[in-house]
Amino acid sequence: MQPKLRFLHSDDLLNAVKLAQFRRLSTEQLKLSLRPGALGSLKTRPDGTVLDGHHRLSILLERAENIDGLPREILEKREHER
């Protein structure tokens, strides 16, 4: 089982223009854009910390979608980031 997703950034740091653009997409389009292998796929640390996908996940949460089960690319911390 995957860990729950944890946001690296707070909601007040999200870009309003990006949020407006993503709100135009259907829920299914948002989910497909987050799938591993897609450009801009959902990327997390092993502990569930979100590295890429914040805006789209935020929109999915607004739509009462369960985001914790979404497929994700898991990236390990690089030595210079520790």
N, C-alpha and C. Protein backbone atom coordinates (compact mmCIF):
# COMPACT_ATOMS: atom_id res chain seq x y z
N MET A 1 0.83 -1.19 0.00
CA MET A 1 0.00 0.00 0.00
C MET A 1 0.88 1.25 0.00
N GLN A 2 0.48 2.22 -0.79
CA GLN A 2 1.22 3.47 -0.90
C GLN A 2 0.92 4.39 0.29
N PRO A 3 1.91 5.19 0.71
CA PRO A 3 1.62 6.16 1.77
C PRO A 3 0.68 7.25 1.26
N LYS A 4 -0.03 7.89 2.19
CA LYS A 4 -0.89 9.02 1.83
C LYS A 4 -0.03 10.13 1.25
N LEU A 5 -0.64 10.89 0.33
CA LEU A 5 0.07 12.00 -0.27
C LEU A 5 0.18 13.15 0.72
N ARG A 6 1.35 13.78 0.73
CA ARG A 6 1.62 14.94 1.59
C ARG A 6 2.10 16.07 0.70
N PHE A 7 1.47 17.22 0.85
CA PHE A 7 1.84 18.36 0.01
C PHE A 7 3.09 19.05 0.53
N LEU A 8 4.01 19.32 -0.36
CA LEU A 8 5.24 20.02 -0.04
C LEU A 8 4.95 21.51 0.17
N HIS A 9 3.99 22.04 -0.60
CA HIS A 9 3.63 23.46 -0.55
C HIS A 9 2.23 23.63 0.03
N SER A 10 2.00 24.74 0.71
CA SER A 10 0.66 25.03 1.21
C SER A 10 -0.20 25.58 0.07
N ASP A 11 -1.52 25.49 0.23
CA ASP A 11 -2.45 25.95 -0.82
C ASP A 11 -2.25 27.41 -1.20
N ASP A 12 -1.88 28.25 -0.25
CA ASP A 12 -1.73 29.67 -0.56
C ASP A 12 -0.52 29.96 -1.46
N LEU A 13 0.33 28.98 -1.68
CA LEU A 13 1.46 29.16 -2.59
C LEU A 13 1.16 28.68 -4.02
N LEU A 14 -0.02 28.11 -4.22
CA LEU A 14 -0.38 27.63 -5.56
C LEU A 14 -0.72 28.81 -6.46
N ASN A 15 -0.40 28.68 -7.74
CA ASN A 15 -0.60 29.72 -8.74
C ASN A 15 -2.07 29.76 -9.18
N ALA A 16 -2.73 30.90 -8.98
CA ALA A 16 -4.15 31.04 -9.30
C ALA A 16 -4.43 30.83 -10.79
N VAL A 17 -3.53 31.27 -11.64
CA VAL A 17 -3.71 31.11 -13.09
C VAL A 17 -3.68 29.62 -13.47
N LYS A 18 -2.70 28.91 -12.92
CA LYS A 18 -2.62 27.46 -13.17
C LYS A 18 -3.86 26.74 -12.66
N LEU A 19 -4.31 27.11 -11.47
CA LEU A 19 -5.51 26.48 -10.91
C LEU A 19 -6.70 26.70 -11.83
N ALA A 20 -6.86 27.91 -12.34
CA ALA A 20 -7.98 28.22 -13.24
C ALA A 20 -7.90 27.38 -14.52
N GLN A 21 -6.68 27.23 -15.05
CA GLN A 21 -6.51 26.41 -16.26
C GLN A 21 -6.88 24.95 -16.00
N PHE A 22 -6.43 24.42 -14.88
CA PHE A 22 -6.72 23.01 -14.57
C PHE A 22 -8.19 22.79 -14.23
N ARG A 23 -8.86 23.79 -13.70
CA ARG A 23 -10.29 23.64 -13.39
C ARG A 23 -11.13 23.44 -14.65
N ARG A 24 -10.61 23.84 -15.79
CA ARG A 24 -11.33 23.65 -17.06
C ARG A 24 -11.31 22.20 -17.52
N LEU A 25 -10.38 21.41 -16.99
CA LEU A 25 -10.25 20.01 -17.39
C LEU A 25 -11.23 19.13 -16.61
N SER A 26 -11.62 18.04 -17.23
CA SER A 26 -12.48 17.08 -16.54
C SER A 26 -11.66 16.33 -15.49
N THR A 27 -12.34 15.72 -14.58
CA THR A 27 -11.68 14.94 -13.54
C THR A 27 -10.84 13.83 -14.18
N GLU A 28 -11.39 13.19 -15.19
CA GLU A 28 -10.67 12.10 -15.86
C GLU A 28 -9.41 12.62 -16.56
N GLN A 29 -9.49 13.80 -17.19
CA GLN A 29 -8.32 14.37 -17.84
C GLN A 29 -7.22 14.68 -16.81
N LEU A 30 -7.62 15.19 -15.66
CA LEU A 30 -6.64 15.48 -14.62
C LEU A 30 -5.95 14.21 -14.16
N LYS A 31 -6.74 13.17 -13.92
CA LYS A 31 -6.16 11.91 -13.47
C LYS A 31 -5.21 11.32 -14.51
N LEU A 32 -5.61 11.39 -15.78
CA LEU A 32 -4.75 10.86 -16.84
C LEU A 32 -3.45 11.64 -16.94
N SER A 33 -3.49 12.96 -16.71
CA SER A 33 -2.28 13.77 -16.81
C SER A 33 -1.30 13.47 -15.68
N LEU A 34 -1.77 12.85 -14.62
CA LEU A 34 -0.92 12.52 -13.47
C LEU A 34 -0.31 11.12 -13.56
N ARG A 35 -0.77 10.32 -14.52
CA ARG A 35 -0.31 8.93 -14.60
C ARG A 35 1.18 8.83 -14.90
N PRO A 36 1.85 7.86 -14.31
CA PRO A 36 3.28 7.65 -14.60
C PRO A 36 3.51 7.52 -16.10
N GLY A 37 4.56 8.17 -16.57
CA GLY A 37 4.89 8.14 -17.99
C GLY A 37 4.38 9.37 -18.73
N ALA A 38 3.37 10.05 -18.19
CA ALA A 38 2.85 11.27 -18.80
C ALA A 38 3.79 12.43 -18.49
N LEU A 39 3.84 13.40 -19.40
CA LEU A 39 4.62 14.61 -19.14
C LEU A 39 4.00 15.30 -17.93
N GLY A 40 4.77 15.58 -16.90
CA GLY A 40 4.23 16.21 -15.70
C GLY A 40 3.49 15.24 -14.80
N SER A 41 3.87 13.97 -14.85
CA SER A 41 3.20 12.94 -14.03
C SER A 41 3.35 13.23 -12.54
N LEU A 42 2.52 12.58 -11.74
CA LEU A 42 2.60 12.72 -10.29
C LEU A 42 3.90 12.11 -9.80
N LYS A 43 4.72 12.95 -9.17
CA LYS A 43 6.00 12.49 -8.64
C LYS A 43 6.02 12.74 -7.14
N THR A 44 6.45 11.72 -6.39
CA THR A 44 6.51 11.84 -4.93
C THR A 44 7.81 11.25 -4.40
N ARG A 45 8.07 11.54 -3.16
CA ARG A 45 9.12 10.87 -2.41
C ARG A 45 8.53 9.56 -1.90
N PRO A 46 9.35 8.64 -1.43
CA PRO A 46 8.83 7.37 -0.89
C PRO A 46 7.83 7.57 0.25
N ASP A 47 7.95 8.68 1.00
CA ASP A 47 7.04 8.93 2.12
C ASP A 47 5.71 9.57 1.69
N GLY A 48 5.54 9.81 0.38
CA GLY A 48 4.29 10.38 -0.13
C GLY A 48 4.34 11.89 -0.34
N THR A 49 5.48 12.54 -0.06
CA THR A 49 5.60 13.98 -0.28
C THR A 49 5.54 14.27 -1.78
N VAL A 50 4.61 15.14 -2.16
CA VAL A 50 4.38 15.46 -3.57
C VAL A 50 5.45 16.41 -4.07
N LEU A 51 6.08 16.05 -5.19
CA LEU A 51 7.09 16.89 -5.82
C LEU A 51 6.54 17.54 -7.09
N ASP A 52 5.66 16.86 -7.80
CA ASP A 52 5.07 17.39 -9.03
C ASP A 52 3.62 16.93 -9.10
N GLY A 53 2.72 17.89 -9.33
CA GLY A 53 1.30 17.58 -9.45
C GLY A 53 0.42 18.32 -8.46
N HIS A 54 1.01 19.24 -7.70
CA HIS A 54 0.27 19.95 -6.65
C HIS A 54 -1.04 20.57 -7.12
N HIS A 55 -0.98 21.32 -8.23
CA HIS A 55 -2.16 22.05 -8.69
C HIS A 55 -3.29 21.11 -9.09
N ARG A 56 -2.94 20.07 -9.85
CA ARG A 56 -3.97 19.12 -10.29
C ARG A 56 -4.54 18.34 -9.12
N LEU A 57 -3.70 17.96 -8.18
CA LEU A 57 -4.20 17.26 -6.98
C LEU A 57 -5.13 18.16 -6.18
N SER A 58 -4.79 19.43 -6.09
CA SER A 58 -5.63 20.38 -5.36
C SER A 58 -7.03 20.45 -5.99
N ILE A 59 -7.09 20.47 -7.31
CA ILE A 59 -8.38 20.50 -8.01
C ILE A 59 -9.14 19.21 -7.75
N LEU A 60 -8.45 18.08 -7.79
CA LEU A 60 -9.12 16.80 -7.52
C LEU A 60 -9.68 16.77 -6.10
N LEU A 61 -8.95 17.32 -5.15
CA LEU A 61 -9.47 17.40 -3.77
C LEU A 61 -10.70 18.28 -3.69
N GLU A 62 -10.70 19.40 -4.43
CA GLU A 62 -11.89 20.27 -4.50
C GLU A 62 -13.10 19.48 -4.98
N ARG A 63 -12.85 18.52 -5.85
CA ARG A 63 -13.93 17.70 -6.44
C ARG A 63 -14.20 16.45 -5.61
N ALA A 64 -13.66 16.41 -4.42
CA ALA A 64 -13.88 15.32 -3.46
C ALA A 64 -13.39 13.97 -3.99
N GLU A 65 -12.31 14.00 -4.77
CA GLU A 65 -11.71 12.77 -5.27
C GLU A 65 -10.70 12.25 -4.26
N ASN A 66 -10.58 10.93 -4.19
CA ASN A 66 -9.58 10.30 -3.34
C ASN A 66 -8.26 10.27 -4.11
N ILE A 67 -7.30 11.07 -3.68
CA ILE A 67 -6.04 11.17 -4.42
C ILE A 67 -4.98 10.19 -3.94
N ASP A 68 -5.15 9.63 -2.76
CA ASP A 68 -4.10 8.79 -2.18
C ASP A 68 -3.84 7.49 -2.93
N GLY A 69 -4.78 7.03 -3.71
CA GLY A 69 -4.60 5.79 -4.46
C GLY A 69 -4.09 5.98 -5.87
N LEU A 70 -3.83 7.24 -6.26
CA LEU A 70 -3.38 7.50 -7.63
C LEU A 70 -1.99 6.91 -7.86
N PRO A 71 -1.76 6.35 -9.06
CA PRO A 71 -0.42 5.86 -9.39
C PRO A 71 0.56 7.02 -9.40
N ARG A 72 1.78 6.74 -9.02
CA ARG A 72 2.78 7.81 -8.92
C ARG A 72 4.16 7.30 -9.27
N GLU A 73 5.02 8.23 -9.66
CA GLU A 73 6.44 7.93 -9.84
C GLU A 73 7.12 8.29 -8.53
N ILE A 74 7.86 7.37 -7.97
CA ILE A 74 8.53 7.60 -6.69
C ILE A 74 10.00 7.92 -6.96
N LEU A 75 10.41 9.07 -6.46
CA LEU A 75 11.78 9.54 -6.64
C LEU A 75 12.51 9.53 -5.31
N GLU A 76 13.67 8.94 -5.30
CA GLU A 76 14.50 8.93 -4.11
C GLU A 76 15.22 10.27 -4.01
N LYS A 77 15.53 10.68 -2.79
CA LYS A 77 16.32 11.91 -2.60
C LYS A 77 17.71 11.68 -3.13
N ARG A 78 18.23 12.69 -3.82
CA ARG A 78 19.60 12.62 -4.29
C ARG A 78 20.52 13.07 -3.16
N GLU A 79 21.74 12.62 -3.20
CA GLU A 79 22.70 12.91 -2.14
C GLU A 79 22.81 14.40 -1.83
N HIS A 80 22.84 15.25 -2.86
CA HIS A 80 23.02 16.68 -2.63
C HIS A 80 21.77 17.36 -2.03
N GLU A 81 20.65 16.66 -1.96
CA GLU A 81 19.41 17.23 -1.40
C GLU A 81 19.22 16.90 0.07
N ARG A 82 20.10 16.14 0.65
CA ARG A 82 19.92 15.70 2.04
C ARG A 82 20.34 16.73 3.02
